[in-house]
Amino acid sequence: MFRNVLIPVSRTNFQVISVRHKQIKLPKVDKKLKAAAESLAARGFLRPNKPWDPPANIEETILKICAQKGLKADAQFQGLDIKFDILNACYKETGHSVPNSLLHTIECIGDLKEFYKTPVDTKTPYDALLKMDLPKNLHVQENYVRFHPDKDTLFNGVSAYPKSSTIVTGLRWKKKYEGYTAKRSWP
């Protein structure tokens, strides 16, 4: 009958309270939800979006689709069925769809044009840093070098950490990097 519910007190702390089933009363958390949304927005580059570079004639394409459906250039969407037809036609024409998280922001043809004019870049900041022109004293090493005593030519197999093993975890990285077990002086 009773169950525990986590109530956010701050970003890192939660208060556990016991409440009856279907009688949960939560305090107002508008500021906390806003902070959570900002946190998610900061991590937005990790989302699996497709890249989009808008073509030069995207406005004409959208206006042509709207004219075929009987809407003017500055019209509001009168119903969800009309909005669905327009968005579906835009997707079929361009191959770029409006994600579910942004459907509520598109209320008129102007919002639709603004969405389709916005480019989508799916590179992570690290990948962008690799392609960027950097100063001469700064270098980003894309593929790091792992020490292995049998393959090391710079220090003749002598490790800076002689009793430390290199353990490679993960199936993907075991194919790329070879680990080794250090020799111990004790049995």
N, C-alpha and C. Protein backbone atom coordinates (compact mmCIF):
# COMPACT_ATOMS: atom_id res chain seq x y z
N MET A 1 0.81 -1.18 0.00
CA MET A 1 0.00 0.00 0.00
C MET A 1 0.86 1.26 0.00
N PHE A 2 1.94 1.27 0.80
CA PHE A 2 2.83 2.41 0.84
C PHE A 2 4.02 2.14 -0.06
N ARG A 3 4.56 3.20 -0.63
CA ARG A 3 5.79 3.06 -1.42
C ARG A 3 6.65 4.29 -1.24
N ASN A 4 7.93 4.11 -1.46
CA ASN A 4 8.87 5.21 -1.31
C ASN A 4 8.98 5.99 -2.60
N VAL A 5 9.06 7.30 -2.50
CA VAL A 5 9.18 8.18 -3.64
C VAL A 5 10.36 9.10 -3.38
N LEU A 6 11.20 9.31 -4.41
CA LEU A 6 12.31 10.23 -4.29
C LEU A 6 11.86 11.62 -4.69
N ILE A 7 12.05 12.58 -3.82
CA ILE A 7 11.71 13.97 -4.08
C ILE A 7 13.03 14.73 -4.20
N PRO A 8 13.26 15.41 -5.35
CA PRO A 8 14.52 16.15 -5.48
C PRO A 8 14.54 17.37 -4.56
N VAL A 9 15.57 17.44 -3.73
CA VAL A 9 15.76 18.57 -2.83
C VAL A 9 16.74 19.54 -3.46
N SER A 10 17.79 19.02 -4.05
CA SER A 10 18.75 19.81 -4.81
C SER A 10 19.20 18.95 -5.97
N ARG A 11 20.21 19.39 -6.69
CA ARG A 11 20.67 18.62 -7.84
C ARG A 11 21.20 17.25 -7.46
N THR A 12 21.80 17.15 -6.30
CA THR A 12 22.44 15.89 -5.93
C THR A 12 21.74 15.18 -4.79
N ASN A 13 20.91 15.85 -4.04
CA ASN A 13 20.25 15.24 -2.89
C ASN A 13 18.79 14.95 -3.19
N PHE A 14 18.31 13.83 -2.67
CA PHE A 14 16.92 13.46 -2.81
C PHE A 14 16.38 13.11 -1.43
N GLN A 15 15.13 13.40 -1.20
CA GLN A 15 14.49 13.07 0.06
C GLN A 15 13.54 11.91 -0.19
N VAL A 16 13.64 10.86 0.59
CA VAL A 16 12.77 9.70 0.45
C VAL A 16 11.60 9.88 1.39
N ILE A 17 10.40 9.85 0.82
CA ILE A 17 9.20 9.93 1.63
C ILE A 17 8.32 8.73 1.30
N SER A 18 7.52 8.36 2.24
CA SER A 18 6.62 7.23 2.05
C SER A 18 5.21 7.78 1.85
N VAL A 19 4.59 7.39 0.75
CA VAL A 19 3.25 7.88 0.44
C VAL A 19 2.36 6.71 0.04
N ARG A 20 1.06 6.95 0.10
CA ARG A 20 0.11 5.94 -0.34
C ARG A 20 0.09 5.88 -1.86
N HIS A 21 -0.23 4.74 -2.37
CA HIS A 21 -0.30 4.54 -3.82
C HIS A 21 -1.37 5.45 -4.43
N LYS A 22 -1.06 6.13 -5.50
CA LYS A 22 -1.94 7.03 -6.25
C LYS A 22 -2.32 8.29 -5.48
N GLN A 23 -1.63 8.60 -4.41
CA GLN A 23 -1.88 9.84 -3.69
C GLN A 23 -0.57 10.60 -3.51
N ILE A 24 0.21 10.65 -4.57
CA ILE A 24 1.50 11.30 -4.52
C ILE A 24 1.33 12.79 -4.75
N LYS A 25 1.77 13.58 -3.81
CA LYS A 25 1.75 15.02 -3.95
C LYS A 25 3.20 15.50 -3.98
N LEU A 26 3.59 16.05 -5.10
CA LEU A 26 4.96 16.51 -5.25
C LEU A 26 5.00 18.03 -5.12
N PRO A 27 6.06 18.55 -4.52
CA PRO A 27 6.18 20.01 -4.44
C PRO A 27 6.47 20.60 -5.81
N LYS A 28 6.29 21.90 -5.95
CA LYS A 28 6.60 22.55 -7.22
C LYS A 28 8.10 22.46 -7.47
N VAL A 29 8.46 22.01 -8.64
CA VAL A 29 9.87 21.84 -8.97
C VAL A 29 10.18 22.50 -10.31
N ASP A 30 9.54 23.62 -10.61
CA ASP A 30 9.74 24.29 -11.89
C ASP A 30 11.20 24.66 -12.10
N LYS A 31 11.83 25.22 -11.08
CA LYS A 31 13.23 25.62 -11.22
C LYS A 31 14.13 24.39 -11.39
N LYS A 32 13.79 23.32 -10.70
CA LYS A 32 14.60 22.10 -10.78
C LYS A 32 14.42 21.43 -12.13
N LEU A 33 13.21 21.44 -12.65
CA LEU A 33 12.99 20.89 -13.98
C LEU A 33 13.71 21.72 -15.04
N LYS A 34 13.72 23.02 -14.84
CA LYS A 34 14.43 23.89 -15.77
C LYS A 34 15.92 23.59 -15.74
N ALA A 35 16.46 23.38 -14.55
CA ALA A 35 17.88 23.04 -14.43
C ALA A 35 18.17 21.69 -15.08
N ALA A 36 17.26 20.74 -14.91
CA ALA A 36 17.45 19.43 -15.55
C ALA A 36 17.39 19.55 -17.06
N ALA A 37 16.50 20.39 -17.56
CA ALA A 37 16.41 20.59 -19.00
C ALA A 37 17.67 21.25 -19.54
N GLU A 38 18.22 22.20 -18.79
CA GLU A 38 19.47 22.83 -19.22
C GLU A 38 20.61 21.83 -19.20
N SER A 39 20.61 20.94 -18.23
CA SER A 39 21.64 19.91 -18.16
C SER A 39 21.56 18.98 -19.36
N LEU A 40 20.33 18.59 -19.71
CA LEU A 40 20.16 17.75 -20.89
C LEU A 40 20.55 18.48 -22.16
N ALA A 41 20.25 19.76 -22.23
CA ALA A 41 20.61 20.53 -23.41
C ALA A 41 22.12 20.64 -23.55
N ALA A 42 22.82 20.70 -22.43
CA ALA A 42 24.28 20.76 -22.48
C ALA A 42 24.88 19.47 -22.98
N ARG A 43 24.17 18.34 -22.77
CA ARG A 43 24.67 17.06 -23.24
C ARG A 43 24.02 16.66 -24.56
N GLY A 44 23.45 17.62 -25.26
CA GLY A 44 22.68 17.31 -26.46
C GLY A 44 23.47 16.71 -27.59
N PHE A 45 24.79 16.90 -27.62
CA PHE A 45 25.56 16.36 -28.74
C PHE A 45 25.64 14.83 -28.71
N LEU A 46 25.24 14.21 -27.64
CA LEU A 46 25.28 12.76 -27.56
C LEU A 46 24.04 12.09 -28.13
N ARG A 47 23.07 12.88 -28.53
CA ARG A 47 21.85 12.31 -29.07
C ARG A 47 22.09 11.77 -30.47
N PRO A 48 21.38 10.70 -30.83
CA PRO A 48 21.61 10.09 -32.15
C PRO A 48 20.84 10.81 -33.26
N ASN A 49 21.21 12.03 -33.56
CA ASN A 49 20.57 12.78 -34.64
C ASN A 49 21.32 12.58 -35.94
N LYS A 50 20.60 12.73 -37.04
CA LYS A 50 21.24 12.70 -38.35
C LYS A 50 21.70 14.11 -38.69
N PRO A 51 22.85 14.24 -39.34
CA PRO A 51 23.29 15.59 -39.70
C PRO A 51 22.38 16.19 -40.77
N TRP A 52 22.23 17.50 -40.74
CA TRP A 52 21.36 18.19 -41.69
C TRP A 52 22.02 19.49 -42.10
N ASP A 53 22.25 19.62 -43.40
CA ASP A 53 22.75 20.86 -43.97
C ASP A 53 21.66 21.36 -44.90
N PRO A 54 20.95 22.42 -44.52
CA PRO A 54 19.79 22.83 -45.32
C PRO A 54 20.19 23.30 -46.71
N PRO A 55 19.44 22.86 -47.73
CA PRO A 55 19.71 23.35 -49.07
C PRO A 55 19.34 24.82 -49.22
N ALA A 56 19.80 25.44 -50.28
CA ALA A 56 19.58 26.88 -50.47
C ALA A 56 18.10 27.20 -50.72
N ASN A 57 17.36 26.27 -51.33
CA ASN A 57 15.96 26.55 -51.68
C ASN A 57 14.97 25.91 -50.71
N ILE A 58 15.32 25.77 -49.45
CA ILE A 58 14.45 25.08 -48.50
C ILE A 58 13.17 25.88 -48.22
N GLU A 59 13.26 27.21 -48.22
CA GLU A 59 12.05 28.02 -47.98
C GLU A 59 11.04 27.84 -49.10
N GLU A 60 11.52 27.83 -50.34
CA GLU A 60 10.63 27.64 -51.48
C GLU A 60 9.99 26.26 -51.43
N THR A 61 10.75 25.27 -51.01
CA THR A 61 10.22 23.90 -50.91
C THR A 61 9.10 23.84 -49.88
N ILE A 62 9.31 24.45 -48.72
CA ILE A 62 8.29 24.43 -47.67
C ILE A 62 7.05 25.21 -48.09
N LEU A 63 7.24 26.36 -48.74
CA LEU A 63 6.09 27.14 -49.20
C LEU A 63 5.31 26.41 -50.28
N LYS A 64 6.02 25.66 -51.13
CA LYS A 64 5.35 24.88 -52.17
C LYS A 64 4.50 23.76 -51.54
N ILE A 65 5.05 23.10 -50.51
CA ILE A 65 4.31 22.04 -49.82
C ILE A 65 3.08 22.62 -49.13
N CYS A 66 3.23 23.78 -48.50
CA CYS A 66 2.10 24.41 -47.81
C CYS A 66 1.04 24.87 -48.81
N ALA A 67 1.47 25.37 -49.97
CA ALA A 67 0.50 25.79 -50.98
C ALA A 67 -0.27 24.60 -51.52
N GLN A 68 0.37 23.45 -51.66
CA GLN A 68 -0.32 22.24 -52.11
C GLN A 68 -1.37 21.80 -51.10
N LYS A 69 -1.12 22.04 -49.81
CA LYS A 69 -2.07 21.65 -48.76
C LYS A 69 -3.09 22.75 -48.47
N GLY A 70 -2.98 23.90 -49.17
CA GLY A 70 -3.96 24.96 -49.03
C GLY A 70 -3.68 25.94 -47.91
N LEU A 71 -2.43 26.09 -47.50
CA LEU A 71 -2.06 27.04 -46.44
C LEU A 71 -1.27 28.20 -47.02
N LYS A 72 -1.45 29.38 -46.44
CA LYS A 72 -0.70 30.57 -46.85
C LYS A 72 0.66 30.57 -46.14
N ALA A 73 1.52 31.49 -46.55
CA ALA A 73 2.89 31.53 -46.04
C ALA A 73 2.99 31.89 -44.57
N ASP A 74 2.00 32.60 -44.02
CA ASP A 74 2.06 33.02 -42.62
C ASP A 74 0.95 32.38 -41.78
N ALA A 75 0.42 31.26 -42.22
CA ALA A 75 -0.74 30.63 -41.56
C ALA A 75 -0.33 29.82 -40.33
N GLN A 76 -1.28 29.70 -39.42
CA GLN A 76 -1.13 28.83 -38.26
C GLN A 76 -1.70 27.46 -38.63
N PHE A 77 -1.25 26.43 -37.95
CA PHE A 77 -1.82 25.10 -38.15
C PHE A 77 -3.16 25.05 -37.42
N GLN A 78 -4.26 24.79 -38.14
CA GLN A 78 -5.60 24.80 -37.55
C GLN A 78 -5.89 23.53 -36.77
N GLY A 79 -5.31 22.41 -37.15
CA GLY A 79 -5.56 21.15 -36.46
C GLY A 79 -4.35 20.26 -36.53
N LEU A 80 -4.37 19.22 -35.71
CA LEU A 80 -3.23 18.30 -35.69
C LEU A 80 -3.12 17.50 -36.96
N ASP A 81 -4.25 17.22 -37.61
CA ASP A 81 -4.20 16.45 -38.85
C ASP A 81 -3.52 17.24 -39.97
N ILE A 82 -3.79 18.55 -40.03
CA ILE A 82 -3.13 19.40 -41.03
C ILE A 82 -1.63 19.51 -40.72
N LYS A 83 -1.32 19.68 -39.46
CA LYS A 83 0.09 19.78 -39.05
C LYS A 83 0.82 18.49 -39.39
N PHE A 84 0.18 17.34 -39.14
CA PHE A 84 0.79 16.06 -39.47
C PHE A 84 1.01 15.91 -40.96
N ASP A 85 0.02 16.30 -41.77
CA ASP A 85 0.16 16.20 -43.22
C ASP A 85 1.30 17.06 -43.74
N ILE A 86 1.41 18.27 -43.22
CA ILE A 86 2.49 19.18 -43.65
C ILE A 86 3.85 18.62 -43.24
N LEU A 87 3.99 18.19 -41.98
CA LEU A 87 5.27 17.67 -41.51
C LEU A 87 5.66 16.39 -42.24
N ASN A 88 4.67 15.55 -42.53
CA ASN A 88 4.94 14.32 -43.26
C ASN A 88 5.38 14.62 -44.69
N ALA A 89 4.74 15.59 -45.33
CA ALA A 89 5.12 15.97 -46.69
C ALA A 89 6.53 16.58 -46.71
N CYS A 90 6.85 17.38 -45.69
CA CYS A 90 8.20 17.96 -45.59
C CYS A 90 9.25 16.87 -45.40
N TYR A 91 8.92 15.87 -44.60
CA TYR A 91 9.85 14.77 -44.40
C TYR A 91 10.08 13.99 -45.69
N LYS A 92 9.01 13.71 -46.41
CA LYS A 92 9.14 12.96 -47.67
C LYS A 92 9.93 13.74 -48.70
N GLU A 93 9.78 15.05 -48.69
CA GLU A 93 10.48 15.89 -49.67
C GLU A 93 11.96 16.07 -49.32
N THR A 94 12.26 16.27 -48.03
CA THR A 94 13.62 16.61 -47.64
C THR A 94 14.40 15.46 -47.01
N GLY A 95 13.70 14.49 -46.42
CA GLY A 95 14.39 13.40 -45.72
C GLY A 95 14.81 13.78 -44.31
N HIS A 96 14.40 14.94 -43.84
CA HIS A 96 14.75 15.43 -42.49
C HIS A 96 13.45 15.62 -41.72
N SER A 97 13.33 14.93 -40.60
CA SER A 97 12.07 14.99 -39.84
C SER A 97 12.24 15.81 -38.57
N VAL A 98 11.12 16.27 -38.06
CA VAL A 98 11.09 17.02 -36.81
C VAL A 98 11.10 16.00 -35.67
N PRO A 99 12.06 16.08 -34.74
CA PRO A 99 12.06 15.13 -33.62
C PRO A 99 10.88 15.37 -32.69
N ASN A 100 10.49 14.33 -31.97
CA ASN A 100 9.35 14.42 -31.07
C ASN A 100 9.51 15.53 -30.03
N SER A 101 10.74 15.76 -29.60
CA SER A 101 10.96 16.75 -28.55
C SER A 101 10.73 18.17 -29.04
N LEU A 102 10.64 18.39 -30.35
CA LEU A 102 10.46 19.74 -30.88
C LEU A 102 9.10 19.94 -31.56
N LEU A 103 8.26 18.93 -31.57
CA LEU A 103 6.96 19.04 -32.24
C LEU A 103 6.10 20.15 -31.66
N HIS A 104 6.16 20.34 -30.35
CA HIS A 104 5.32 21.37 -29.71
C HIS A 104 5.77 22.78 -30.03
N THR A 105 6.99 22.97 -30.51
CA THR A 105 7.49 24.31 -30.80
C THR A 105 7.06 24.80 -32.18
N ILE A 106 6.61 23.92 -33.04
CA ILE A 106 6.21 24.31 -34.39
C ILE A 106 4.70 24.54 -34.39
N GLU A 107 4.32 25.81 -34.42
CA GLU A 107 2.91 26.19 -34.36
C GLU A 107 2.43 26.85 -35.64
N CYS A 108 3.36 27.33 -36.48
CA CYS A 108 2.97 28.00 -37.71
C CYS A 108 4.00 27.70 -38.79
N ILE A 109 3.76 28.21 -39.98
CA ILE A 109 4.65 27.96 -41.12
C ILE A 109 6.01 28.63 -40.88
N GLY A 110 6.02 29.78 -40.20
CA GLY A 110 7.28 30.46 -39.89
C GLY A 110 8.17 29.61 -39.00
N ASP A 111 7.58 28.94 -38.01
CA ASP A 111 8.35 28.04 -37.14
C ASP A 111 8.90 26.87 -37.93
N LEU A 112 8.10 26.37 -38.88
CA LEU A 112 8.54 25.24 -39.71
C LEU A 112 9.72 25.65 -40.60
N LYS A 113 9.64 26.86 -41.18
CA LYS A 113 10.75 27.34 -42.01
C LYS A 113 12.01 27.52 -41.17
N GLU A 114 11.83 28.05 -39.97
CA GLU A 114 12.99 28.26 -39.08
C GLU A 114 13.63 26.93 -38.71
N PHE A 115 12.82 25.90 -38.45
CA PHE A 115 13.37 24.59 -38.12
C PHE A 115 14.17 24.02 -39.28
N TYR A 116 13.63 24.10 -40.48
CA TYR A 116 14.31 23.50 -41.63
C TYR A 116 15.50 24.34 -42.09
N LYS A 117 15.60 25.61 -41.69
CA LYS A 117 16.77 26.42 -42.03
C LYS A 117 17.93 26.18 -41.06
N THR A 118 17.65 25.57 -39.93
CA THR A 118 18.68 25.38 -38.90
C THR A 118 19.50 24.13 -39.21
N PRO A 119 20.82 24.26 -39.37
CA PRO A 119 21.64 23.07 -39.61
C PRO A 119 21.82 22.24 -38.34
N VAL A 120 22.00 20.94 -38.51
CA VAL A 120 22.21 20.02 -37.39
C VAL A 120 23.62 19.45 -37.54
N ASP A 121 24.45 19.71 -36.55
CA ASP A 121 25.83 19.22 -36.55
C ASP A 121 25.93 18.12 -35.52
N THR A 122 26.32 16.92 -35.93
CA THR A 122 26.35 15.78 -35.02
C THR A 122 27.75 15.46 -34.51
N LYS A 123 28.70 16.32 -34.79
CA LYS A 123 30.06 16.06 -34.30
C LYS A 123 30.14 16.34 -32.81
N THR A 124 30.87 15.50 -32.12
CA THR A 124 31.13 15.77 -30.71
C THR A 124 32.18 16.89 -30.63
N PRO A 125 32.28 17.56 -29.51
CA PRO A 125 33.30 18.61 -29.38
C PRO A 125 34.71 18.08 -29.61
N TYR A 126 34.97 16.83 -29.23
CA TYR A 126 36.29 16.25 -29.45
C TYR A 126 36.57 16.09 -30.95
N ASP A 127 35.59 15.61 -31.71
CA ASP A 127 35.77 15.47 -33.15
C ASP A 127 35.94 16.83 -33.81
N ALA A 128 35.22 17.82 -33.34
CA ALA A 128 35.37 19.17 -33.89
C ALA A 128 36.77 19.71 -33.59
N LEU A 129 37.30 19.40 -32.42
CA LEU A 129 38.64 19.85 -32.06
C LEU A 129 39.69 19.22 -32.95
N LEU A 130 39.48 17.97 -33.37
CA LEU A 130 40.44 17.31 -34.26
C LEU A 130 40.49 17.96 -35.63
N LYS A 131 39.38 18.47 -36.11
CA LYS A 131 39.31 19.08 -37.44
C LYS A 131 39.67 20.56 -37.44
N MET A 132 39.80 21.15 -36.28
CA MET A 132 40.02 22.59 -36.13
C MET A 132 41.49 22.94 -36.36
N ASP A 133 41.73 24.15 -36.87
CA ASP A 133 43.09 24.66 -36.98
C ASP A 133 43.54 25.12 -35.60
N LEU A 134 44.53 24.45 -35.05
CA LEU A 134 44.99 24.73 -33.69
C LEU A 134 46.29 25.51 -33.74
N PRO A 135 46.65 26.20 -32.66
CA PRO A 135 47.95 26.88 -32.60
C PRO A 135 49.09 25.87 -32.71
N LYS A 136 50.26 26.37 -33.07
CA LYS A 136 51.41 25.48 -33.31
C LYS A 136 51.85 24.74 -32.05
N ASN A 137 51.61 25.31 -30.87
CA ASN A 137 52.06 24.67 -29.64
C ASN A 137 51.01 23.73 -29.05
N LEU A 138 49.90 23.50 -29.74
CA LEU A 138 48.86 22.62 -29.24
C LEU A 138 48.63 21.49 -30.24
N HIS A 139 48.59 20.28 -29.72
CA HIS A 139 48.41 19.11 -30.57
C HIS A 139 47.44 18.16 -29.90
N VAL A 140 46.50 17.63 -30.67
CA VAL A 140 45.54 16.66 -30.16
C VAL A 140 45.88 15.32 -30.79
N GLN A 141 46.16 14.34 -29.94
CA GLN A 141 46.50 13.02 -30.42
C GLN A 141 45.23 12.18 -30.49
N GLU A 142 44.82 11.84 -31.71
CA GLU A 142 43.54 11.14 -31.88
C GLU A 142 43.61 9.72 -31.37
N ASN A 143 44.59 8.97 -31.78
CA ASN A 143 44.75 7.58 -31.32
C ASN A 143 45.94 7.52 -30.39
N TYR A 144 45.68 7.22 -29.15
CA TYR A 144 46.75 7.23 -28.17
C TYR A 144 47.62 5.97 -28.32
N VAL A 145 48.80 6.03 -27.74
CA VAL A 145 49.76 4.93 -27.82
C VAL A 145 49.79 4.23 -26.47
N ARG A 146 49.61 2.92 -26.48
CA ARG A 146 49.67 2.15 -25.24
C ARG A 146 51.03 1.47 -25.13
N PHE A 147 51.52 1.44 -23.93
CA PHE A 147 52.82 0.80 -23.70
C PHE A 147 52.66 -0.72 -23.65
N HIS A 148 53.54 -1.42 -24.37
CA HIS A 148 53.64 -2.88 -24.29
C HIS A 148 55.13 -3.20 -24.34
N PRO A 149 55.65 -3.94 -23.35
CA PRO A 149 57.10 -4.13 -23.26
C PRO A 149 57.70 -4.88 -24.46
N ASP A 150 56.93 -5.73 -25.10
CA ASP A 150 57.47 -6.47 -26.25
C ASP A 150 57.54 -5.63 -27.51
N LYS A 151 56.73 -4.60 -27.61
CA LYS A 151 56.67 -3.80 -28.83
C LYS A 151 57.25 -2.40 -28.65
N ASP A 152 57.71 -2.05 -27.46
CA ASP A 152 58.24 -0.72 -27.20
C ASP A 152 59.65 -0.61 -27.75
N THR A 153 59.87 0.39 -28.61
CA THR A 153 61.21 0.59 -29.17
C THR A 153 61.89 1.81 -28.57
N LEU A 154 61.13 2.70 -27.97
CA LEU A 154 61.71 3.93 -27.45
C LEU A 154 62.51 3.70 -26.17
N PHE A 155 61.99 2.87 -25.26
CA PHE A 155 62.67 2.64 -23.98
C PHE A 155 63.10 1.18 -23.81
N ASN A 156 63.18 0.44 -24.87
CA ASN A 156 63.62 -0.96 -24.87
C ASN A 156 62.82 -1.83 -23.92
N GLY A 157 61.54 -1.59 -23.83
CA GLY A 157 60.66 -2.43 -23.02
C GLY A 157 60.70 -2.15 -21.54
N VAL A 158 61.37 -1.09 -21.10
CA VAL A 158 61.43 -0.75 -19.67
C VAL A 158 60.27 0.18 -19.36
N SER A 159 59.45 -0.22 -18.42
CA SER A 159 58.26 0.53 -18.07
C SER A 159 58.54 1.52 -16.95
N ALA A 160 57.81 2.61 -16.94
CA ALA A 160 57.89 3.57 -15.85
C ALA A 160 57.19 3.02 -14.61
N TYR A 161 56.31 2.05 -14.80
CA TYR A 161 55.58 1.40 -13.72
C TYR A 161 55.85 -0.10 -13.84
N PRO A 162 56.95 -0.59 -13.31
CA PRO A 162 57.38 -1.96 -13.59
C PRO A 162 56.46 -3.06 -13.05
N LYS A 163 55.73 -2.83 -11.99
CA LYS A 163 54.88 -3.88 -11.44
C LYS A 163 53.40 -3.67 -11.76
N SER A 164 53.12 -2.79 -12.71
CA SER A 164 51.73 -2.50 -13.08
C SER A 164 51.40 -3.16 -14.41
N SER A 165 50.31 -3.89 -14.41
CA SER A 165 49.84 -4.53 -15.64
C SER A 165 48.94 -3.58 -16.42
N THR A 166 48.86 -3.80 -17.70
CA THR A 166 47.94 -3.05 -18.54
C THR A 166 46.79 -3.98 -18.88
N ILE A 167 45.63 -3.68 -18.33
CA ILE A 167 44.46 -4.51 -18.53
C ILE A 167 43.53 -3.78 -19.49
N VAL A 168 43.19 -4.43 -20.59
CA VAL A 168 42.30 -3.85 -21.58
C VAL A 168 40.93 -4.48 -21.39
N THR A 169 39.95 -3.66 -21.09
CA THR A 169 38.58 -4.17 -20.93
C THR A 169 37.75 -3.76 -22.13
N GLY A 170 36.74 -4.52 -22.42
CA GLY A 170 35.87 -4.22 -23.55
C GLY A 170 36.29 -4.97 -24.79
N LEU A 171 35.33 -5.56 -25.45
CA LEU A 171 35.64 -6.36 -26.64
C LEU A 171 36.18 -5.52 -27.78
N ARG A 172 35.67 -4.31 -27.92
CA ARG A 172 36.11 -3.46 -29.02
C ARG A 172 37.58 -3.08 -28.87
N TRP A 173 37.98 -2.74 -27.65
CA TRP A 173 39.34 -2.26 -27.44
C TRP A 173 40.34 -3.40 -27.35
N LYS A 174 39.90 -4.62 -27.02
CA LYS A 174 40.82 -5.76 -26.99
C LYS A 174 41.34 -6.09 -28.38
N LYS A 175 40.54 -5.78 -29.40
CA LYS A 175 40.99 -6.01 -30.77
C LYS A 175 42.04 -4.98 -31.18
N LYS A 176 41.92 -3.78 -30.64
CA LYS A 176 42.80 -2.70 -31.06
C LYS A 176 44.07 -2.61 -30.22
N TYR A 177 43.95 -2.82 -28.91
CA TYR A 177 45.09 -2.67 -28.01
C TYR A 177 45.35 -3.98 -27.29
N GLU A 178 46.61 -4.33 -27.20
CA GLU A 178 47.00 -5.56 -26.54
C GLU A 178 47.43 -5.26 -25.10
N GLY A 179 46.89 -5.98 -24.16
CA GLY A 179 47.28 -5.81 -22.77
C GLY A 179 48.41 -6.78 -22.41
N TYR A 180 48.96 -6.59 -21.23
CA TYR A 180 49.99 -7.51 -20.75
C TYR A 180 49.95 -7.57 -19.23
N THR A 181 50.49 -8.65 -18.70
CA THR A 181 50.57 -8.85 -17.24
C THR A 181 52.01 -8.66 -16.83
N ALA A 182 52.24 -7.76 -15.90
CA ALA A 182 53.59 -7.47 -15.43
C ALA A 182 54.13 -8.63 -14.59
N LYS A 183 55.44 -8.81 -14.65
CA LYS A 183 56.08 -9.86 -13.85
C LYS A 183 56.20 -9.37 -12.41
N ARG A 184 55.85 -10.25 -11.49
CA ARG A 184 55.92 -9.91 -10.07
C ARG A 184 57.18 -10.52 -9.48
N SER A 185 57.69 -9.87 -8.45
CA SER A 185 58.88 -10.39 -7.76
C SER A 185 58.49 -11.34 -6.64
N TRP A 186 57.21 -11.39 -6.28
CA TRP A 186 56.76 -12.30 -5.25
C TRP A 186 55.93 -13.42 -5.92
N PRO A 187 55.79 -14.56 -5.23
CA PRO A 187 55.09 -15.70 -5.87
C PRO A 187 53.61 -15.53 -5.97
